[in-house]
């Protein structure tokens, strides 16, 4: 049987993992950001039963925690853009390589036009 955590315990844990992540944000890779996201989601789900009894301190702490979201999303977007650029470069290189690896008939000509 799981003991239900208090709103303060949940928010404190949420704040701790968020602050730790932001402190090393530029070093975090996709897997670590995914784990952070999953942990935060789990805590937010645990917190749902406390929503009706929020204190002003709880609200203030939630606002503080949310203040880091833009930075976290910015890092996620950076990694997404970096991965997209890598895939595009890989696709372009593969396309160029394929042009030279085509199978041609023995009596055909291949003319390479370089600029």
N, C-alpha and C. Protein backbone atom coordinates (compact mmCIF):
# COMPACT_ATOMS: atom_id res chain seq x y z
N UNK A 1 0.83 -1.18 0.00
CA UNK A 1 0.00 0.00 0.00
C UNK A 1 0.88 1.25 0.00
N UNK A 2 0.59 2.18 -0.92
CA UNK A 2 1.36 3.41 -1.01
C UNK A 2 0.76 4.48 -0.12
N UNK A 3 1.63 5.13 0.63
CA UNK A 3 1.18 6.24 1.47
C UNK A 3 1.14 7.49 0.61
N UNK A 4 0.06 8.22 0.70
CA UNK A 4 -0.09 9.43 -0.10
C UNK A 4 0.82 10.53 0.45
N UNK A 5 1.58 11.14 -0.45
CA UNK A 5 2.47 12.23 -0.05
C UNK A 5 1.66 13.51 0.13
N UNK A 6 2.18 14.39 0.96
CA UNK A 6 1.53 15.69 1.14
C UNK A 6 1.83 16.57 -0.08
N UNK A 7 1.03 17.60 -0.24
CA UNK A 7 1.24 18.55 -1.35
C UNK A 7 2.63 19.17 -1.24
N UNK A 8 3.04 19.49 -0.02
CA UNK A 8 4.35 20.11 0.19
C UNK A 8 5.48 19.17 -0.21
N UNK A 9 5.36 17.88 0.16
CA UNK A 9 6.39 16.91 -0.21
C UNK A 9 6.51 16.78 -1.73
N UNK A 10 5.38 16.71 -2.39
CA UNK A 10 5.37 16.57 -3.85
C UNK A 10 5.99 17.81 -4.50
N UNK A 11 5.56 18.99 -4.06
CA UNK A 11 6.09 20.23 -4.64
C UNK A 11 7.58 20.38 -4.35
N UNK A 12 8.00 20.00 -3.15
CA UNK A 12 9.43 20.09 -2.82
C UNK A 12 10.26 19.17 -3.72
N UNK A 13 9.76 17.96 -3.95
CA UNK A 13 10.47 17.03 -4.84
C UNK A 13 10.49 17.56 -6.27
N UNK A 14 9.37 18.09 -6.71
CA UNK A 14 9.27 18.67 -8.05
C UNK A 14 10.24 19.84 -8.19
N UNK A 15 10.29 20.68 -7.19
CA UNK A 15 11.20 21.83 -7.22
C UNK A 15 12.65 21.35 -7.25
N UNK A 16 12.98 20.36 -6.44
CA UNK A 16 14.35 19.86 -6.36
C UNK A 16 14.82 19.30 -7.70
N UNK A 17 14.03 18.42 -8.32
CA UNK A 17 14.47 17.83 -9.59
C UNK A 17 14.53 18.87 -10.70
N UNK A 18 13.66 19.86 -10.63
CA UNK A 18 13.67 20.93 -11.63
C UNK A 18 14.91 21.80 -11.47
N UNK A 19 15.21 22.21 -10.24
CA UNK A 19 16.39 23.05 -10.00
C UNK A 19 17.68 22.31 -10.34
N UNK A 20 17.75 21.03 -9.99
CA UNK A 20 18.94 20.24 -10.32
C UNK A 20 19.14 20.15 -11.83
N UNK A 21 18.06 19.95 -12.55
CA UNK A 21 18.14 19.85 -14.01
C UNK A 21 18.57 21.18 -14.62
N UNK A 22 18.00 22.27 -14.15
CA UNK A 22 18.32 23.59 -14.71
C UNK A 22 19.77 23.96 -14.41
N UNK A 23 20.29 23.52 -13.27
CA UNK A 23 21.68 23.82 -12.90
C UNK A 23 22.67 23.22 -13.89
N UNK A 24 22.29 22.13 -14.52
CA UNK A 24 23.18 21.49 -15.50
C UNK A 24 22.51 21.36 -16.86
N UNK A 25 21.63 22.27 -17.16
CA UNK A 25 20.77 22.18 -18.34
C UNK A 25 21.54 22.01 -19.64
N UNK A 26 22.62 22.76 -19.84
CA UNK A 26 23.35 22.68 -21.10
C UNK A 26 24.12 21.38 -21.27
N UNK A 27 24.19 20.58 -20.21
CA UNK A 27 24.86 19.28 -20.29
C UNK A 27 23.88 18.13 -20.50
N UNK A 28 22.61 18.39 -20.27
CA UNK A 28 21.61 17.33 -20.36
C UNK A 28 21.37 16.92 -21.81
N UNK A 29 21.28 15.61 -22.01
CA UNK A 29 20.99 15.06 -23.33
C UNK A 29 19.52 14.62 -23.37
N UNK A 30 19.10 14.11 -24.52
CA UNK A 30 17.70 13.75 -24.73
C UNK A 30 17.16 12.79 -23.67
N UNK A 31 17.94 11.75 -23.37
CA UNK A 31 17.47 10.74 -22.42
C UNK A 31 17.23 11.33 -21.04
N UNK A 32 18.14 12.21 -20.62
CA UNK A 32 18.01 12.83 -19.30
C UNK A 32 16.81 13.79 -19.25
N UNK A 33 16.60 14.50 -20.34
CA UNK A 33 15.44 15.39 -20.40
C UNK A 33 14.14 14.59 -20.43
N UNK A 34 14.15 13.47 -21.10
CA UNK A 34 12.98 12.60 -21.13
C UNK A 34 12.68 12.08 -19.72
N UNK A 35 13.73 11.66 -19.02
CA UNK A 35 13.56 11.16 -17.65
C UNK A 35 13.02 12.27 -16.74
N UNK A 36 13.56 13.48 -16.89
CA UNK A 36 13.07 14.63 -16.11
C UNK A 36 11.60 14.86 -16.40
N UNK A 37 11.24 14.85 -17.66
CA UNK A 37 9.85 15.07 -18.05
C UNK A 37 8.92 14.01 -17.46
N UNK A 38 9.36 12.77 -17.52
CA UNK A 38 8.55 11.67 -16.96
C UNK A 38 8.41 11.81 -15.45
N UNK A 39 9.50 12.15 -14.76
CA UNK A 39 9.43 12.33 -13.30
C UNK A 39 8.53 13.50 -12.92
N UNK A 40 8.63 14.58 -13.67
CA UNK A 40 7.78 15.74 -13.38
C UNK A 40 6.31 15.39 -13.63
N UNK A 41 6.04 14.67 -14.69
CA UNK A 41 4.66 14.27 -14.99
C UNK A 41 4.10 13.37 -13.88
N UNK A 42 4.92 12.44 -13.42
CA UNK A 42 4.50 11.54 -12.33
C UNK A 42 4.15 12.36 -11.08
N UNK A 43 4.99 13.33 -10.75
CA UNK A 43 4.73 14.16 -9.56
C UNK A 43 3.48 15.03 -9.73
N UNK A 44 3.31 15.57 -10.92
CA UNK A 44 2.12 16.38 -11.18
C UNK A 44 0.86 15.52 -11.05
N UNK A 45 0.93 14.29 -11.54
CA UNK A 45 -0.22 13.38 -11.40
C UNK A 45 -0.49 13.06 -9.94
N UNK A 46 0.57 12.86 -9.16
CA UNK A 46 0.41 12.60 -7.73
C UNK A 46 -0.23 13.81 -7.03
N UNK A 47 0.08 14.98 -7.54
CA UNK A 47 -0.39 16.22 -6.92
C UNK A 47 -1.87 16.50 -7.18
N UNK A 48 -2.44 15.89 -8.19
CA UNK A 48 -3.82 16.17 -8.62
C UNK A 48 -4.83 16.12 -7.47
N UNK A 49 -4.67 15.18 -6.56
CA UNK A 49 -5.64 15.05 -5.47
C UNK A 49 -5.54 16.20 -4.46
N UNK A 50 -4.50 17.00 -4.54
CA UNK A 50 -4.32 18.13 -3.62
C UNK A 50 -4.77 19.47 -4.22
N UNK A 51 -5.17 19.46 -5.48
CA UNK A 51 -5.50 20.72 -6.16
C UNK A 51 -6.57 21.53 -5.44
N UNK A 52 -7.54 20.87 -4.88
CA UNK A 52 -8.66 21.58 -4.24
C UNK A 52 -8.23 22.30 -2.96
N UNK A 53 -7.15 21.87 -2.36
CA UNK A 53 -6.75 22.45 -1.07
C UNK A 53 -5.41 23.20 -1.15
N UNK A 54 -5.17 23.87 -2.26
CA UNK A 54 -3.92 24.61 -2.43
C UNK A 54 -3.85 25.80 -1.47
N UNK A 55 -2.68 25.98 -0.90
CA UNK A 55 -2.44 27.15 -0.05
C UNK A 55 -1.77 28.23 -0.91
N UNK A 56 -1.76 29.46 -0.44
CA UNK A 56 -1.03 30.51 -1.18
C UNK A 56 0.45 30.16 -1.36
N UNK A 57 1.04 29.50 -0.35
CA UNK A 57 2.44 29.09 -0.47
C UNK A 57 2.61 28.04 -1.56
N UNK A 58 1.66 27.11 -1.66
CA UNK A 58 1.69 26.10 -2.73
C UNK A 58 1.66 26.78 -4.09
N UNK A 59 0.75 27.74 -4.23
CA UNK A 59 0.61 28.45 -5.51
C UNK A 59 1.90 29.19 -5.87
N UNK A 60 2.49 29.80 -4.90
CA UNK A 60 3.74 30.53 -5.13
C UNK A 60 4.86 29.56 -5.54
N UNK A 61 4.92 28.42 -4.90
CA UNK A 61 5.93 27.42 -5.23
C UNK A 61 5.71 26.87 -6.64
N UNK A 62 4.46 26.65 -7.00
CA UNK A 62 4.14 26.16 -8.35
C UNK A 62 4.59 27.18 -9.39
N UNK A 63 4.31 28.46 -9.16
CA UNK A 63 4.73 29.51 -10.09
C UNK A 63 6.25 29.53 -10.23
N UNK A 64 6.94 29.36 -9.10
CA UNK A 64 8.40 29.33 -9.12
C UNK A 64 8.90 28.15 -9.97
N UNK A 65 8.33 26.98 -9.76
CA UNK A 65 8.73 25.79 -10.51
C UNK A 65 8.46 25.99 -12.01
N UNK A 66 7.30 26.55 -12.31
CA UNK A 66 6.94 26.78 -13.72
C UNK A 66 7.83 27.82 -14.40
N UNK A 67 8.46 28.68 -13.60
CA UNK A 67 9.32 29.72 -14.17
C UNK A 67 10.52 29.12 -14.91
N UNK A 68 10.86 27.88 -14.65
CA UNK A 68 11.99 27.23 -15.31
C UNK A 68 11.59 26.54 -16.61
N UNK A 69 10.31 26.41 -16.86
CA UNK A 69 9.86 25.63 -18.02
C UNK A 69 10.36 26.17 -19.35
N UNK A 70 10.41 27.50 -19.50
CA UNK A 70 10.87 28.07 -20.77
C UNK A 70 12.31 27.65 -21.07
N UNK A 71 13.15 27.64 -20.04
CA UNK A 71 14.55 27.24 -20.23
C UNK A 71 14.65 25.77 -20.61
N UNK A 72 13.86 24.94 -19.96
CA UNK A 72 13.88 23.50 -20.23
C UNK A 72 13.38 23.22 -21.65
N UNK A 73 12.30 23.87 -22.02
CA UNK A 73 11.75 23.69 -23.38
C UNK A 73 12.74 24.20 -24.42
N UNK A 74 13.44 25.29 -24.12
CA UNK A 74 14.44 25.83 -25.05
C UNK A 74 15.56 24.81 -25.28
N UNK A 75 16.00 24.13 -24.22
CA UNK A 75 17.04 23.10 -24.36
C UNK A 75 16.51 21.93 -25.18
N UNK A 76 15.27 21.53 -24.94
CA UNK A 76 14.68 20.44 -25.71
C UNK A 76 14.60 20.80 -27.18
N UNK A 77 14.20 22.04 -27.47
CA UNK A 77 14.10 22.49 -28.86
C UNK A 77 15.48 22.51 -29.52
N UNK A 78 16.49 22.95 -28.78
CA UNK A 78 17.85 22.97 -29.30
C UNK A 78 18.28 21.55 -29.71
N UNK A 79 18.05 20.59 -28.83
CA UNK A 79 18.43 19.20 -29.12
C UNK A 79 17.63 18.64 -30.29
N UNK A 80 16.36 19.02 -30.37
CA UNK A 80 15.52 18.58 -31.49
C UNK A 80 16.06 19.15 -32.81
N UNK A 81 16.39 20.43 -32.81
CA UNK A 81 16.92 21.07 -34.02
C UNK A 81 18.27 20.47 -34.41
N UNK A 82 19.09 20.19 -33.41
CA UNK A 82 20.39 19.58 -33.66
C UNK A 82 20.23 18.20 -34.30
N UNK A 83 19.30 17.41 -33.78
CA UNK A 83 19.04 16.08 -34.34
C UNK A 83 18.50 16.18 -35.76
N UNK A 84 17.62 17.12 -36.00
CA UNK A 84 17.05 17.30 -37.34
C UNK A 84 18.14 17.69 -38.34
N UNK A 85 19.04 18.58 -37.92
CA UNK A 85 20.13 18.99 -38.80
C UNK A 85 21.04 17.81 -39.11
N UNK A 86 21.32 16.99 -38.10
CA UNK A 86 22.16 15.80 -38.31
C UNK A 86 21.50 14.85 -39.30
N UNK A 87 20.20 14.62 -39.12
CA UNK A 87 19.49 13.73 -40.05
C UNK A 87 19.50 14.28 -41.47
N UNK A 88 19.36 15.59 -41.59
CA UNK A 88 19.37 16.21 -42.92
C UNK A 88 20.75 16.05 -43.57
N UNK A 89 21.82 16.28 -42.78
CA UNK A 89 23.18 16.11 -43.31
C UNK A 89 23.42 14.66 -43.71
N UNK A 90 22.96 13.75 -42.88
CA UNK A 90 23.13 12.31 -43.15
C UNK A 90 22.39 11.92 -44.43
N UNK A 91 21.16 12.42 -44.58
CA UNK A 91 20.38 12.13 -45.77
C UNK A 91 21.03 12.68 -47.02
N UNK A 92 21.57 13.89 -46.92
CA UNK A 92 22.24 14.52 -48.06
C UNK A 92 23.50 13.74 -48.44
N UNK A 93 24.28 13.35 -47.45
CA UNK A 93 25.50 12.58 -47.73
C UNK A 93 25.15 11.24 -48.34
N UNK A 94 24.10 10.61 -47.84
CA UNK A 94 23.67 9.30 -48.36
C UNK A 94 23.23 9.44 -49.82
N UNK A 95 22.52 10.53 -50.12
CA UNK A 95 22.05 10.77 -51.48
C UNK A 95 23.24 10.96 -52.42
N UNK A 96 24.24 11.71 -51.98
CA UNK A 96 25.43 11.93 -52.81
C UNK A 96 26.18 10.63 -53.03
N UNK A 97 26.29 9.83 -51.98
CA UNK A 97 26.99 8.56 -52.06
C UNK A 97 26.26 7.62 -53.02
N UNK A 98 24.95 7.60 -52.94
CA UNK A 98 24.16 6.72 -53.82
C UNK A 98 24.37 7.07 -55.29
N UNK A 99 24.56 8.34 -55.59
CA UNK A 99 24.76 8.76 -56.98
C UNK A 99 26.02 8.12 -57.55
N UNK A 100 27.03 7.92 -56.72
CA UNK A 100 28.27 7.32 -57.19
C UNK A 100 28.26 5.80 -57.11
N UNK A 101 27.31 5.24 -56.41
CA UNK A 101 27.28 3.80 -56.25
C UNK A 101 26.22 3.13 -57.13
N UNK A 102 25.68 3.87 -58.07
CA UNK A 102 24.67 3.29 -58.97
C UNK A 102 25.30 2.17 -59.78
N UNK A 103 24.50 1.18 -60.06
CA UNK A 103 24.95 0.09 -60.92
C UNK A 103 24.67 0.50 -62.37
N UNK A 104 25.69 0.48 -63.17
CA UNK A 104 25.54 0.85 -64.57
C UNK A 104 25.87 -0.35 -65.45
N UNK A 105 25.31 -0.33 -66.62
CA UNK A 105 25.62 -1.38 -67.60
C UNK A 105 27.09 -1.24 -68.02
N UNK A 106 27.71 -2.33 -68.38
CA UNK A 106 29.14 -2.33 -68.71
C UNK A 106 29.47 -1.40 -69.88
N UNK A 107 28.53 -1.22 -70.80
CA UNK A 107 28.82 -0.40 -71.96
C UNK A 107 28.27 1.03 -71.83
N UNK A 108 27.87 1.44 -70.61
CA UNK A 108 27.33 2.79 -70.43
C UNK A 108 28.43 3.75 -69.99
N UNK A 109 28.11 5.03 -70.08
CA UNK A 109 29.05 6.09 -69.69
C UNK A 109 28.52 6.79 -68.46
N UNK A 110 29.43 7.16 -67.60
CA UNK A 110 29.08 7.98 -66.44
C UNK A 110 29.91 9.26 -66.51
N UNK A 111 29.23 10.37 -66.60
CA UNK A 111 29.94 11.66 -66.69
C UNK A 111 29.64 12.44 -65.41
N UNK A 112 30.69 12.81 -64.71
CA UNK A 112 30.58 13.55 -63.46
C UNK A 112 30.81 15.02 -63.78
N UNK A 113 29.78 15.83 -63.64
CA UNK A 113 29.88 17.27 -63.89
C UNK A 113 30.16 17.96 -62.58
N UNK A 114 31.35 18.47 -62.41
CA UNK A 114 31.70 19.19 -61.19
C UNK A 114 31.82 20.67 -61.51
N UNK A 115 31.34 21.48 -60.61
CA UNK A 115 31.38 22.93 -60.82
C UNK A 115 32.55 23.52 -60.10
